Amino acid sequence: GGAYAYGAAIRKKIKNARSAESASLVMSMMFFIDDFFSCITVGAVMQPILDKFNIPRAKTAFLVDSLAAPLCMIAPISSWVAVVVMYLQNAGISSTKSSSTLVLADPYYMFLKIIPFIFYSSIIFVSVWFIVRKRISFGLMYKHERIAKEKGNLFGGKEAPKKTVGGVHESNKKDESIIDFIFPFSLLLVSSVVSILYFGGYKLFGGAHKFLESFRHSNITLALFIAVMITTIASIILLFIRKKLCIKTFPRVFYDGVKLMLPSVAILLLAWTFSSLLQQELGTGTYLAKHLIGNVPIVFIPVLFLIVSSISSSAMGSAWGAMAVMIPIA
C-alpha cells in the first residue's frame, strides 16, 4: 500500500494531463537505481492517476519505461553499473596484470569515463521531456490518445487485458502511510552507498581509500545484493509491525514478485551461458579480430558493433542480454 499512499498524496497537486505525465517522469528520475524497480513502482503509483486524465495505457507504458533503463545506465550507482562492471571484468579488463588481462584499466573507472558517450540516454531524456511538455503526439500513440479522449477507452479501442498481479488490498488503502513508500526506497539508497563504501575499503570503515577511490575498488555487485537484502528484510519487518503483511498473505506476495521477474531472469541466465560459450569455448572475439582487423578500417568497427548490438538487443528483448553477448566479442 506504500505506492498507493504516495499516489494519494501527489494526486491532490496534479491538475491536468500534462502535469500527470510530468509527475511520472519526475518519479522515474527518483528510481534510477534499477529499471525494474522503477517500472514496477512508478507504474503502480502513476497508473491510476494517468487513468483519471484519460491517458491511454500505451502512453502510460511509454512514460513509465522510457527513462528507467537510460537513467540506470548513466547513474554512478545502479544495478546496471554492477552488471556492466562485471561484464568488463569478465572480458579481461583489469587494474592488475595477469594472463587473462587484455586491457589494463580499472573497470569501474572505465565505466565512469564512458558515461558522457552514452548518447542514447541523453537523447531520450531530452526527447521524452520535450514530447510531454509540448504535448506532441504522432503515429500510433496519437491514435490511442484520440480514442481515449473521444471514447474513454484506454486500450486503443480494445478490451482491457486481464490483470496478472494482485492489486492493493482494501485494508492497506484505509491504513495508508507515506512512510511505507519512503522507508524502503530511502533505506535501499542509503544501504547501497554504505555497502559500496564498506566493500571498497573506505577509511571510515577501517580501509585505506578515500570516498571516490572506494567506489572504484568496491565489489558493486555484492554491495547492491547486500543492500537489497537489508532493504527487503527491514521492509518485511516494518510491514509485519504495521500489520500490513501476515504469514497467510506472504506466499502470494512472494509468488507475484517471482512471476514478475521470471522472464528477465530466464533471459539473463541464457545470455550469460551463451556469453561464456562465445568467449571461452568458441573464441568468437578472437576469430572476428583475426578477420576484421587489418581488412576492415578501424573506424568502421564501432559502427559494425552498433548495428550488431541493435539486432541482438531487438532479438533478445534485453539490454543486459545484448551486453552479455557483445562485450566479450568486442
C-alpha atoms as a PDB file:
ATOM      1  CA  GLY A   1       0.000   0.000   0.000  1.00  0.00           C
ATOM      2  CA  GLY A   2       3.029   2.323   0.083  1.00  0.00           C
ATOM      3  CA  ALA A   3       2.762   3.193  -3.608  1.00  0.00           C
ATOM      4  CA  TYR A   4      -0.973   3.790  -3.171  1.00  0.00           C
ATOM      5  CA  ALA A   5      -0.281   6.212  -0.272  1.00  0.00           C
ATOM      6  CA  TYR A   6       2.261   8.149  -2.341  1.00  0.00           C
ATOM      7  CA  GLY A   7      -0.185   8.294  -5.266  1.00  0.00           C
ATOM      8  CA  ALA A   8      -2.926   9.633  -2.974  1.00  0.00           C
ATOM      9  CA  ALA A   9      -0.540  12.339  -1.678  1.00  0.00           C
ATOM     10  CA  ILE A  10       0.515  13.651  -5.113  1.00  0.00           C
ATOM     11  CA  ARG A  11      -2.957  13.246  -6.677  1.00  0.00           C
ATOM     12  CA  LYS A  12      -4.129  16.432  -4.932  1.00  0.00           C
ATOM     13  CA  LYS A  13      -1.416  18.501  -6.649  1.00  0.00           C
ATOM     14  CA  ILE A  14      -1.990  17.208 -10.189  1.00  0.00           C
ATOM     15  CA  LYS A  15      -4.498  19.331 -12.111  1.00  0.00           C
ATOM     16  CA  ASN A  16      -4.225  18.219 -15.765  1.00  0.00           C
ATOM     17  CA  ALA A  17      -2.835  15.554 -18.129  1.00  0.00           C
ATOM     18  CA  ARG A  18       0.462  17.380 -18.729  1.00  0.00           C
ATOM     19  CA  SER A  19       1.227  17.682 -15.000  1.00  0.00           C
ATOM     20  CA  ALA A  20       0.302  13.977 -14.540  1.00  0.00           C
ATOM     21  CA  GLU A  21       2.713  12.951 -17.310  1.00  0.00           C
ATOM     22  CA  SER A  22       5.431  15.244 -15.911  1.00  0.00           C
ATOM     23  CA  ALA A  23       4.940  13.732 -12.420  1.00  0.00           C
ATOM     24  CA  SER A  24       5.501  10.280 -13.927  1.00  0.00           C
ATOM     25  CA  LEU A  25       8.830  11.373 -15.448  1.00  0.00           C
ATOM     26  CA  VAL A  26       9.945  13.071 -12.211  1.00  0.00           C
ATOM     27  CA  MET A  27       9.209   9.881 -10.319  1.00  0.00           C
ATOM     28  CA  SER A  28      11.205   7.807 -12.845  1.00  0.00           C
ATOM     29  CA  MET A  29      14.170  10.094 -12.165  1.00  0.00           C
ATOM     30  CA  MET A  30      13.947   9.233  -8.446  1.00  0.00           C
ATOM     31  CA  PHE A  31      14.217   5.487  -9.095  1.00  0.00           C
ATOM     32  CA  PHE A  32      17.496   5.494 -11.049  1.00  0.00           C
ATOM     33  CA  ILE A  33      18.931   2.614  -9.016  1.00  0.00           C
ATOM     34  CA  ASP A  34      17.186  -0.142 -11.026  1.00  0.00           C
ATOM     35  CA  ASP A  35      14.999  -0.155 -14.131  1.00  0.00           C
ATOM     36  CA  PHE A  36      12.682  -2.969 -12.955  1.00  0.00           C
ATOM     37  CA  PHE A  37      12.305  -1.312  -9.575  1.00  0.00           C
ATOM     38  CA  SER A  38      11.498   1.927 -11.399  1.00  0.00           C
ATOM     39  CA  CYS A  39       8.949   0.444 -13.835  1.00  0.00           C
ATOM     40  CA  ILE A  40       7.095  -1.609 -11.214  1.00  0.00           C
ATOM     41  CA  THR A  41       6.927   1.216  -8.643  1.00  0.00           C
ATOM     42  CA  VAL A  42       6.252   4.140 -10.995  1.00  0.00           C
ATOM     43  CA  GLY A  43       3.698   2.030 -12.857  1.00  0.00           C
ATOM     44  CA  ALA A  44       1.860   1.086  -9.671  1.00  0.00           C
ATOM     45  CA  VAL A  45       1.763   4.696  -8.429  1.00  0.00           C
ATOM     46  CA  MET A  46       1.042   6.557 -11.660  1.00  0.00           C
ATOM     47  CA  GLN A  47      -1.348   4.213 -13.488  1.00  0.00           C
ATOM     48  CA  PRO A  48      -4.497   5.220 -11.530  1.00  0.00           C
ATOM     49  CA  ILE A  49      -3.542   8.908 -11.778  1.00  0.00           C
ATOM     50  CA  LEU A  50      -2.885   8.752 -15.527  1.00  0.00           C
ATOM     51  CA  ASP A  51      -6.120   6.749 -15.996  1.00  0.00           C
ATOM     52  CA  LYS A  52      -8.023   9.559 -14.282  1.00  0.00           C
ATOM     53  CA  PHE A  53      -6.887  12.005 -17.000  1.00  0.00           C
ATOM     54  CA  ASN A  54      -7.767   9.554 -19.820  1.00  0.00           C
ATOM     55  CA  ILE A  55      -4.153   8.933 -20.793  1.00  0.00           C
ATOM     56  CA  PRO A  56      -4.038   5.658 -22.780  1.00  0.00           C
ATOM     57  CA  ARG A  57      -2.097   2.708 -21.411  1.00  0.00           C
ATOM     58  CA  ALA A  58       0.292   2.836 -24.387  1.00  0.00           C
ATOM     59  CA  LYS A  59       1.305   6.356 -23.324  1.00  0.00           C
ATOM     60  CA  THR A  60       1.487   5.242 -19.672  1.00  0.00           C
ATOM     61  CA  ALA A  61       3.867   2.436 -20.655  1.00  0.00           C
ATOM     62  CA  PHE A  62       5.967   4.920 -22.654  1.00  0.00           C
ATOM     63  CA  LEU A  63       6.178   7.356 -19.725  1.00  0.00           C
ATOM     64  CA  VAL A  64       6.972   4.645 -17.161  1.00  0.00           C
ATOM     65  CA  ASP A  65       9.559   2.757 -19.215  1.00  0.00           C
ATOM     66  CA  SER A  66      11.309   5.360 -21.383  1.00  0.00           C
ATOM     67  CA  LEU A  67      13.597   6.808 -18.676  1.00  0.00           C
ATOM     68  CA  ALA A  68      14.024   3.696 -16.495  1.00  0.00           C
ATOM     69  CA  ALA A  69      16.931   1.959 -18.260  1.00  0.00           C
ATOM     70  CA  PRO A  70      18.638   5.078 -19.735  1.00  0.00           C
ATOM     71  CA  LEU A  71      18.922   6.670 -16.277  1.00  0.00           C
ATOM     72  CA  CYS A  72      20.260   3.423 -14.746  1.00  0.00           C
ATOM     73  CA  MET A  73      22.905   3.344 -17.464  1.00  0.00           C
ATOM     74  CA  ILE A  74      24.351   6.778 -16.614  1.00  0.00           C
ATOM     75  CA  ALA A  75      23.960   6.684 -12.808  1.00  0.00           C
ATOM     76  CA  PRO A  76      27.244   6.032 -10.938  1.00  0.00           C
ATOM     77  CA  ILE A  77      25.351   3.681  -8.571  1.00  0.00           C
ATOM     78  CA  SER A  78      22.790   1.284 -10.055  1.00  0.00           C
ATOM     79  CA  SER A  79      22.164  -2.385 -10.750  1.00  0.00           C
ATOM     80  CA  TRP A  80      23.232  -1.720 -14.353  1.00  0.00           C
ATOM     81  CA  VAL A  81      26.629  -0.382 -13.259  1.00  0.00           C
ATOM     82  CA  ALA A  82      27.212  -3.562 -11.257  1.00  0.00           C
ATOM     83  CA  VAL A  83      26.414  -5.731 -14.278  1.00  0.00           C
ATOM     84  CA  VAL A  84      28.422  -3.652 -16.776  1.00  0.00           C
ATOM     85  CA  VAL A  85      31.472  -3.651 -14.476  1.00  0.00           C
ATOM     86  CA  MET A  86      31.120  -7.434 -14.084  1.00  0.00           C
ATOM     87  CA  TYR A  87      30.978  -7.853 -17.886  1.00  0.00           C
ATOM     88  CA  LEU A  88      34.076  -5.667 -18.313  1.00  0.00           C
ATOM     89  CA  GLN A  89      35.965  -7.686 -15.690  1.00  0.00           C
ATOM     90  CA  ASN A  90      34.950 -10.994 -17.302  1.00  0.00           C
ATOM     91  CA  ALA A  91      36.020  -9.670 -20.705  1.00  0.00           C
ATOM     92  CA  GLY A  92      39.593  -9.145 -19.489  1.00  0.00           C
ATOM     93  CA  ILE A  93      39.613  -5.526 -18.303  1.00  0.00           C
ATOM     94  CA  SER A  94      41.504  -5.359 -15.011  1.00  0.00           C
ATOM     95  CA  SER A  95      43.655  -2.958 -12.979  1.00  0.00           C
ATOM     96  CA  THR A  96      46.095  -5.801 -12.208  1.00  0.00           C
ATOM     97  CA  LYS A  97      48.251  -7.634 -14.740  1.00  0.00           C
ATOM     98  CA  SER A  98      47.573 -11.334 -15.295  1.00  0.00           C
ATOM     99  CA  SER A  99      47.477 -13.836 -18.146  1.00  0.00           C
ATOM    100  CA  SER A 100      43.780 -13.061 -18.742  1.00  0.00           C
ATOM    101  CA  THR A 101      44.166  -9.230 -18.749  1.00  0.00           C
ATOM    102  CA  LEU A 102      43.500  -7.738 -22.201  1.00  0.00           C
ATOM    103  CA  VAL A 103      43.081  -4.085 -21.167  1.00  0.00           C
ATOM    104  CA  LEU A 104      44.959  -2.676 -18.171  1.00  0.00           C
ATOM    105  CA  ALA A 105      42.374  -0.373 -16.572  1.00  0.00           C
ATOM    106  CA  ASP A 106      40.029  -0.218 -13.609  1.00  0.00           C
ATOM    107  CA  PRO A 107      36.605  -1.475 -14.885  1.00  0.00           C
ATOM    108  CA  TYR A 108      34.538   0.919 -12.730  1.00  0.00           C
ATOM    109  CA  TYR A 109      36.726   3.917 -13.639  1.00  0.00           C
ATOM    110  CA  MET A 110      36.425   2.927 -17.301  1.00  0.00           C
ATOM    111  CA  PHE A 111      32.629   2.861 -16.964  1.00  0.00           C
ATOM    112  CA  LEU A 112      32.620   6.389 -15.465  1.00  0.00           C
ATOM    113  CA  LYS A 113      34.707   7.571 -18.449  1.00  0.00           C
ATOM    114  CA  ILE A 114      32.166   6.013 -20.862  1.00  0.00           C
ATOM    115  CA  ILE A 115      29.109   7.856 -19.386  1.00  0.00           C
ATOM    116  CA  PRO A 116      29.476  11.089 -21.467  1.00  0.00           C
ATOM    117  CA  PHE A 117      29.404   8.956 -24.640  1.00  0.00           C
ATOM    118  CA  ILE A 118      26.178   7.100 -23.825  1.00  0.00           C
ATOM    119  CA  PHE A 119      24.272   9.402 -26.181  1.00  0.00           C
ATOM    120  CA  TYR A 120      21.062   7.366 -26.203  1.00  0.00           C
ATOM    121  CA  SER A 121      20.397   8.188 -22.540  1.00  0.00           C
ATOM    122  CA  SER A 122      20.786  11.947 -23.007  1.00  0.00           C
ATOM    123  CA  ILE A 123      18.831  11.998 -26.299  1.00  0.00           C
ATOM    124  CA  ILE A 124      15.852  10.024 -24.920  1.00  0.00           C
ATOM    125  CA  PHE A 125      15.850  12.091 -21.696  1.00  0.00           C
ATOM    126  CA  VAL A 126      15.538  15.379 -23.613  1.00  0.00           C
ATOM    127  CA  SER A 127      13.099  13.889 -26.176  1.00  0.00           C
ATOM    128  CA  VAL A 128      10.645  12.490 -23.615  1.00  0.00           C
ATOM    129  CA  TRP A 129      10.505  15.734 -21.645  1.00  0.00           C
ATOM    130  CA  PHE A 130      10.066  17.706 -24.890  1.00  0.00           C
ATOM    131  CA  ILE A 131       7.188  15.427 -26.019  1.00  0.00           C
ATOM    132  CA  VAL A 132       5.419  15.747 -22.653  1.00  0.00           C
ATOM    133  CA  ARG A 133       5.857  19.484 -22.128  1.00  0.00           C
ATOM    134  CA  LYS A 134       4.999  20.439 -25.742  1.00  0.00           C
ATOM    135  CA  ARG A 135       2.061  17.956 -25.875  1.00  0.00           C
ATOM    136  CA  ILE A 136       3.409  16.291 -29.020  1.00  0.00           C
ATOM    137  CA  SER A 137       1.660  13.157 -30.288  1.00  0.00           C
ATOM    138  CA  PHE A 138       2.020  11.251 -33.543  1.00  0.00           C
ATOM    139  CA  GLY A 139       1.588   7.832 -35.149  1.00  0.00           C
ATOM    140  CA  LEU A 140       0.052   5.001 -33.142  1.00  0.00           C
ATOM    141  CA  MET A 141       0.314   6.982 -29.896  1.00  0.00           C
ATOM    142  CA  TYR A 142      -1.813   9.763 -31.415  1.00  0.00           C
ATOM    143  CA  LYS A 143      -4.425   7.170 -32.429  1.00  0.00           C
ATOM    144  CA  HIS A 144      -4.559   5.735 -28.881  1.00  0.00           C
ATOM    145  CA  GLU A 145      -4.812   9.228 -27.341  1.00  0.00           C
ATOM    146  CA  ARG A 146      -7.627  10.212 -29.712  1.00  0.00           C
ATOM    147  CA  ILE A 147      -9.616   7.036 -28.879  1.00  0.00           C
ATOM    148  CA  ALA A 148      -9.083   7.637 -25.132  1.00  0.00           C
ATOM    149  CA  LYS A 149     -10.270  11.232 -25.435  1.00  0.00           C
ATOM    150  CA  GLU A 150     -13.324  10.502 -27.603  1.00  0.00           C
ATOM    151  CA  LYS A 151     -14.482   7.135 -26.239  1.00  0.00           C
ATOM    152  CA  GLY A 152     -12.792   6.820 -22.839  1.00  0.00           C
ATOM    153  CA  ASN A 153     -11.151   3.531 -23.913  1.00  0.00           C
ATOM    154  CA  LEU A 154      -7.542   3.420 -22.688  1.00  0.00           C
ATOM    155  CA  PHE A 155      -6.524   0.358 -24.717  1.00  0.00           C
ATOM    156  CA  GLY A 156      -6.739   1.690 -28.293  1.00  0.00           C
ATOM    157  CA  GLY A 157     -10.338   0.557 -28.705  1.00  0.00           C
ATOM    158  CA  LYS A 158      -9.622  -2.995 -27.478  1.00  0.00           C
ATOM    159  CA  GLU A 159     -10.837  -4.802 -24.377  1.00  0.00           C
ATOM    160  CA  ALA A 160      -8.802  -4.301 -21.180  1.00  0.00           C
ATOM    161  CA  PRO A 161      -6.332  -7.184 -20.642  1.00  0.00           C
ATOM    162  CA  LYS A 162      -6.694  -9.423 -17.617  1.00  0.00           C
ATOM    163  CA  LYS A 163      -4.595  -8.302 -14.628  1.00  0.00           C
ATOM    164  CA  THR A 164      -1.920 -10.884 -13.794  1.00  0.00           C
ATOM    165  CA  VAL A 165      -0.669  -9.409 -10.484  1.00  0.00           C
ATOM    166  CA  GLY A 166      -2.857  -8.768  -7.441  1.00  0.00           C
ATOM    167  CA  GLY A 167      -3.830  -5.177  -6.662  1.00  0.00           C
ATOM    168  CA  VAL A 168      -3.687  -3.213  -3.406  1.00  0.00           C
ATOM    169  CA  HIS A 169      -5.678  -4.773  -0.570  1.00  0.00           C
ATOM    170  CA  GLU A 170      -8.561  -2.575   0.632  1.00  0.00           C
ATOM    171  CA  SER A 171      -7.344  -2.633   4.255  1.00  0.00           C
ATOM    172  CA  ASN A 172      -3.970  -1.208   3.121  1.00  0.00           C
ATOM    173  CA  LYS A 173      -5.766   1.636   1.329  1.00  0.00           C
ATOM    174  CA  LYS A 174      -7.565   2.586   4.536  1.00  0.00           C
ATOM    175  CA  ASP A 175      -4.404   2.443   6.652  1.00  0.00           C
ATOM    176  CA  GLU A 176      -2.217   4.243   4.115  1.00  0.00           C
ATOM    177  CA  SER A 177       1.053   5.894   5.141  1.00  0.00           C
ATOM    178  CA  ILE A 178       3.668   7.645   3.045  1.00  0.00           C
ATOM    179  CA  ILE A 179       6.289   6.004   5.329  1.00  0.00           C
ATOM    180  CA  ASP A 180       5.506   2.635   3.695  1.00  0.00           C
ATOM    181  CA  PHE A 181       6.700   4.170   0.420  1.00  0.00           C
ATOM    182  CA  ILE A 182       9.620   6.364   1.562  1.00  0.00           C
ATOM    183  CA  PHE A 183      11.188   3.915   4.047  1.00  0.00           C
ATOM    184  CA  PRO A 184      12.142   1.070   1.629  1.00  0.00           C
ATOM    185  CA  PHE A 185      13.338   3.430  -1.118  1.00  0.00           C
ATOM    186  CA  SER A 186      15.450   5.576   1.265  1.00  0.00           C
ATOM    187  CA  LEU A 187      16.877   2.517   3.003  1.00  0.00           C
ATOM    188  CA  LEU A 188      17.843   0.976  -0.349  1.00  0.00           C
ATOM    189  CA  LEU A 189      19.714   4.129  -1.405  1.00  0.00           C
ATOM    190  CA  VAL A 190      21.493   4.571   1.935  1.00  0.00           C
ATOM    191  CA  SER A 191      22.412   0.884   2.329  1.00  0.00           C
ATOM    192  CA  SER A 192      23.670   0.784  -1.309  1.00  0.00           C
ATOM    193  CA  VAL A 193      26.074   3.672  -0.735  1.00  0.00           C
ATOM    194  CA  VAL A 194      27.213   2.348   2.669  1.00  0.00           C
ATOM    195  CA  SER A 195      27.739  -1.192   1.285  1.00  0.00           C
ATOM    196  CA  ILE A 196      29.759   0.098  -1.677  1.00  0.00           C
ATOM    197  CA  LEU A 197      31.943   2.189   0.657  1.00  0.00           C
ATOM    198  CA  TYR A 198      32.365  -0.747   3.061  1.00  0.00           C
ATOM    199  CA  PHE A 199      33.425  -3.241   0.366  1.00  0.00           C
ATOM    200  CA  GLY A 200      35.562  -0.562  -1.290  1.00  0.00           C
ATOM    201  CA  GLY A 201      37.695  -0.142   1.833  1.00  0.00           C
ATOM    202  CA  TYR A 202      36.571   3.381   2.773  1.00  0.00           C
ATOM    203  CA  LYS A 203      38.755   4.808   5.573  1.00  0.00           C
ATOM    204  CA  LEU A 204      35.762   5.331   7.918  1.00  0.00           C
ATOM    205  CA  PHE A 205      35.251   1.538   7.810  1.00  0.00           C
ATOM    206  CA  GLY A 206      38.896   0.771   8.570  1.00  0.00           C
ATOM    207  CA  GLY A 207      40.135   0.807   4.961  1.00  0.00           C
ATOM    208  CA  ALA A 208      42.724   2.989   3.257  1.00  0.00           C
ATOM    209  CA  HIS A 209      40.719   4.524   0.414  1.00  0.00           C
ATOM    210  CA  LYS A 210      39.123   7.949   0.049  1.00  0.00           C
ATOM    211  CA  PHE A 211      35.441   8.367  -0.896  1.00  0.00           C
ATOM    212  CA  LEU A 212      35.731   8.159  -4.719  1.00  0.00           C
ATOM    213  CA  GLU A 213      38.550   5.600  -4.571  1.00  0.00           C
ATOM    214  CA  SER A 214      36.365   3.250  -2.530  1.00  0.00           C
ATOM    215  CA  PHE A 215      33.766   3.284  -5.341  1.00  0.00           C
ATOM    216  CA  ARG A 216      36.455   2.228  -7.799  1.00  0.00           C
ATOM    217  CA  HIS A 217      37.745  -0.620  -5.605  1.00  0.00           C
ATOM    218  CA  SER A 218      34.378  -1.894  -4.382  1.00  0.00           C
ATOM    219  CA  ASN A 219      32.612  -5.111  -5.367  1.00  0.00           C
ATOM    220  CA  ILE A 220      29.479  -3.310  -6.604  1.00  0.00           C
ATOM    221  CA  THR A 221      27.542  -6.496  -7.416  1.00  0.00           C
ATOM    222  CA  LEU A 222      27.992  -7.839  -3.880  1.00  0.00           C
ATOM    223  CA  ALA A 223      27.336  -4.391  -2.336  1.00  0.00           C
ATOM    224  CA  LEU A 224      23.996  -3.996  -4.160  1.00  0.00           C
ATOM    225  CA  PHE A 225      22.980  -7.556  -3.276  1.00  0.00           C
ATOM    226  CA  ILE A 226      23.632  -6.866   0.432  1.00  0.00           C
ATOM    227  CA  ALA A 227      21.731  -3.545   0.178  1.00  0.00           C
ATOM    228  CA  VAL A 228      18.722  -5.263  -1.404  1.00  0.00           C
ATOM    229  CA  MET A 229      18.729  -7.994   1.270  1.00  0.00           C
ATOM    230  CA  ILE A 230      18.878  -5.391   4.083  1.00  0.00           C
ATOM    231  CA  THR A 231      16.026  -3.415   2.494  1.00  0.00           C
ATOM    232  CA  THR A 232      13.867  -6.496   1.887  1.00  0.00           C
ATOM    233  CA  ILE A 233      14.250  -7.861   5.434  1.00  0.00           C
ATOM    234  CA  ALA A 234      13.733  -4.428   7.051  1.00  0.00           C
ATOM    235  CA  SER A 235      10.664  -3.738   4.866  1.00  0.00           C
ATOM    236  CA  ILE A 236       9.103  -7.105   5.722  1.00  0.00           C
ATOM    237  CA  ILE A 237       9.668  -6.455   9.452  1.00  0.00           C
ATOM    238  CA  LEU A 238       8.091  -2.974   9.116  1.00  0.00           C
ATOM    239  CA  LEU A 239       5.063  -4.405   7.287  1.00  0.00           C
ATOM    240  CA  PHE A 240       4.588  -7.116   9.922  1.00  0.00           C
ATOM    241  CA  ILE A 241       4.806  -4.496  12.711  1.00  0.00           C
ATOM    242  CA  ARG A 242       2.246  -2.328  10.902  1.00  0.00           C
ATOM    243  CA  LYS A 243       0.072  -5.455  10.366  1.00  0.00           C
ATOM    244  CA  LYS A 244       0.020  -4.889   6.598  1.00  0.00           C
ATOM    245  CA  LEU A 245       1.576  -8.256   5.895  1.00  0.00           C
ATOM    246  CA  CYS A 246       0.878 -11.567   7.559  1.00  0.00           C
ATOM    247  CA  ILE A 247       2.101 -15.148   7.202  1.00  0.00           C
ATOM    248  CA  LYS A 248      -1.060 -16.026   5.276  1.00  0.00           C
ATOM    249  CA  THR A 249      -0.578 -13.383   2.524  1.00  0.00           C
ATOM    250  CA  PHE A 250       3.221 -13.641   2.322  1.00  0.00           C
ATOM    251  CA  PRO A 251       3.298 -16.605  -0.156  1.00  0.00           C
ATOM    252  CA  ARG A 252       1.077 -14.669  -2.624  1.00  0.00           C
ATOM    253  CA  VAL A 253       3.331 -11.584  -2.445  1.00  0.00           C
ATOM    254  CA  PHE A 254       6.389 -13.802  -2.960  1.00  0.00           C
ATOM    255  CA  TYR A 255       4.719 -15.608  -5.888  1.00  0.00           C
ATOM    256  CA  ASP A 256       3.699 -12.328  -7.581  1.00  0.00           C
ATOM    257  CA  GLY A 257       7.249 -10.995  -7.241  1.00  0.00           C
ATOM    258  CA  VAL A 258       8.820 -14.129  -8.718  1.00  0.00           C
ATOM    259  CA  LYS A 259       6.295 -14.111 -11.575  1.00  0.00           C
ATOM    260  CA  LEU A 260       7.206 -10.500 -12.434  1.00  0.00           C
ATOM    261  CA  MET A 261      10.953 -11.233 -12.540  1.00  0.00           C
ATOM    262  CA  LEU A 262      10.998 -14.760 -14.030  1.00  0.00           C
ATOM    263  CA  PRO A 263      11.137 -13.862 -17.774  1.00  0.00           C
ATOM    264  CA  SER A 264      14.036 -11.445 -17.237  1.00  0.00           C
ATOM    265  CA  VAL A 265      15.955 -13.889 -15.058  1.00  0.00           C
ATOM    266  CA  ALA A 266      15.485 -16.635 -17.672  1.00  0.00           C
ATOM    267  CA  ILE A 267      16.759 -14.356 -20.485  1.00  0.00           C
ATOM    268  CA  LEU A 268      19.791 -13.343 -18.403  1.00  0.00           C
ATOM    269  CA  LEU A 269      20.741 -16.913 -17.457  1.00  0.00           C
ATOM    270  CA  LEU A 270      20.589 -17.941 -21.127  1.00  0.00           C
ATOM    271  CA  ALA A 271      22.516 -14.812 -22.225  1.00  0.00           C
ATOM    272  CA  TRP A 272      25.237 -15.367 -19.605  1.00  0.00           C
ATOM    273  CA  THR A 273      25.577 -19.016 -20.644  1.00  0.00           C
ATOM    274  CA  PHE A 274      25.777 -18.033 -24.322  1.00  0.00           C
ATOM    275  CA  SER A 275      28.295 -15.284 -23.481  1.00  0.00           C
ATOM    276  CA  SER A 276      30.525 -17.790 -21.684  1.00  0.00           C
ATOM    277  CA  LEU A 277      30.367 -20.171 -24.656  1.00  0.00           C
ATOM    278  CA  LEU A 278      31.258 -17.391 -27.128  1.00  0.00           C
ATOM    279  CA  GLN A 279      34.205 -16.201 -25.050  1.00  0.00           C
ATOM    280  CA  GLN A 280      35.717 -19.355 -23.544  1.00  0.00           C
ATOM    281  CA  GLU A 281      34.719 -22.244 -25.814  1.00  0.00           C
ATOM    282  CA  LEU A 282      34.239 -20.765 -29.298  1.00  0.00           C
ATOM    283  CA  GLY A 283      36.659 -17.807 -29.067  1.00  0.00           C
ATOM    284  CA  THR A 284      34.323 -15.729 -31.245  1.00  0.00           C
ATOM    285  CA  GLY A 285      36.010 -12.413 -30.390  1.00  0.00           C
ATOM    286  CA  THR A 286      39.469 -13.745 -31.287  1.00  0.00           C
ATOM    287  CA  TYR A 287      38.175 -15.247 -34.542  1.00  0.00           C
ATOM    288  CA  LEU A 288      36.497 -11.980 -35.605  1.00  0.00           C
ATOM    289  CA  ALA A 289      39.558  -9.926 -34.614  1.00  0.00           C
ATOM    290  CA  LYS A 290      41.790 -12.020 -36.915  1.00  0.00           C
ATOM    291  CA  HIS A 291      39.461 -11.464 -39.871  1.00  0.00           C
ATOM    292  CA  LEU A 292      38.376  -7.858 -39.271  1.00  0.00           C
ATOM    293  CA  ILE A 293      41.494  -6.060 -38.009  1.00  0.00           C
ATOM    294  CA  GLY A 294      43.696  -5.279 -40.967  1.00  0.00           C
ATOM    295  CA  ASN A 295      40.969  -5.993 -43.517  1.00  0.00           C
ATOM    296  CA  VAL A 296      38.343  -3.500 -42.294  1.00  0.00           C
ATOM    297  CA  PRO A 297      39.291   0.137 -41.484  1.00  0.00           C
ATOM    298  CA  ILE A 298      39.321   0.527 -37.685  1.00  0.00           C
ATOM    299  CA  VAL A 299      36.886   3.486 -37.833  1.00  0.00           C
ATOM    300  CA  PHE A 300      34.126   1.172 -39.133  1.00  0.00           C
ATOM    301  CA  ILE A 301      34.395  -1.356 -36.291  1.00  0.00           C
ATOM    302  CA  PRO A 302      32.368   0.712 -33.734  1.00  0.00           C
ATOM    303  CA  VAL A 303      29.643   1.135 -36.395  1.00  0.00           C
ATOM    304  CA  LEU A 304      29.586  -2.637 -37.011  1.00  0.00           C
ATOM    305  CA  PHE A 305      29.228  -3.249 -33.267  1.00  0.00           C
ATOM    306  CA  LEU A 306      26.399  -0.704 -33.065  1.00  0.00           C
ATOM    307  CA  ILE A 307      24.481  -2.480 -35.865  1.00  0.00           C
ATOM    308  CA  VAL A 308      25.037  -5.992 -34.462  1.00  0.00           C
ATOM    309  CA  SER A 309      24.212  -4.819 -30.899  1.00  0.00           C
ATOM    310  CA  SER A 310      20.951  -3.243 -32.152  1.00  0.00           C
ATOM    311  CA  ILE A 311      19.952  -6.506 -33.844  1.00  0.00           C
ATOM    312  CA  SER A 312      20.959  -8.571 -30.772  1.00  0.00           C
ATOM    313  CA  SER A 313      19.040  -6.415 -28.283  1.00  0.00           C
ATOM    314  CA  SER A 314      15.924  -6.340 -30.522  1.00  0.00           C
ATOM    315  CA  ALA A 315      16.035 -10.129 -30.939  1.00  0.00           C
ATOM    316  CA  MET A 316      16.546 -10.811 -27.204  1.00  0.00           C
ATOM    317  CA  GLY A 317      14.414  -8.014 -25.790  1.00  0.00           C
ATOM    318  CA  SER A 318      17.081  -7.500 -23.146  1.00  0.00           C
ATOM    319  CA  ALA A 319      19.809  -4.855 -22.956  1.00  0.00           C
ATOM    320  CA  TRP A 320      21.629  -6.876 -20.272  1.00  0.00           C
ATOM    321  CA  GLY A 321      21.486  -9.912 -22.558  1.00  0.00           C
ATOM    322  CA  ALA A 322      22.873  -7.945 -25.511  1.00  0.00           C
ATOM    323  CA  MET A 323      25.735  -6.618 -23.352  1.00  0.00           C
ATOM    324  CA  ALA A 324      26.489 -10.126 -22.062  1.00  0.00           C
ATOM    325  CA  VAL A 325      26.941 -11.333 -25.645  1.00  0.00           C
ATOM    326  CA  MET A 326      28.563  -8.262 -27.224  1.00  0.00           C
ATOM    327  CA  ILE A 327      31.118  -7.092 -24.616  1.00  0.00           C
ATOM    328  CA  PRO A 328      33.201 -10.330 -24.680  1.00  0.00           C
ATOM    329  CA  ILE A 329      33.230 -10.236 -28.505  1.00  0.00           C
ATOM    330  CA  ALA A 330      34.208  -6.550 -28.527  1.00  0.00           C
END
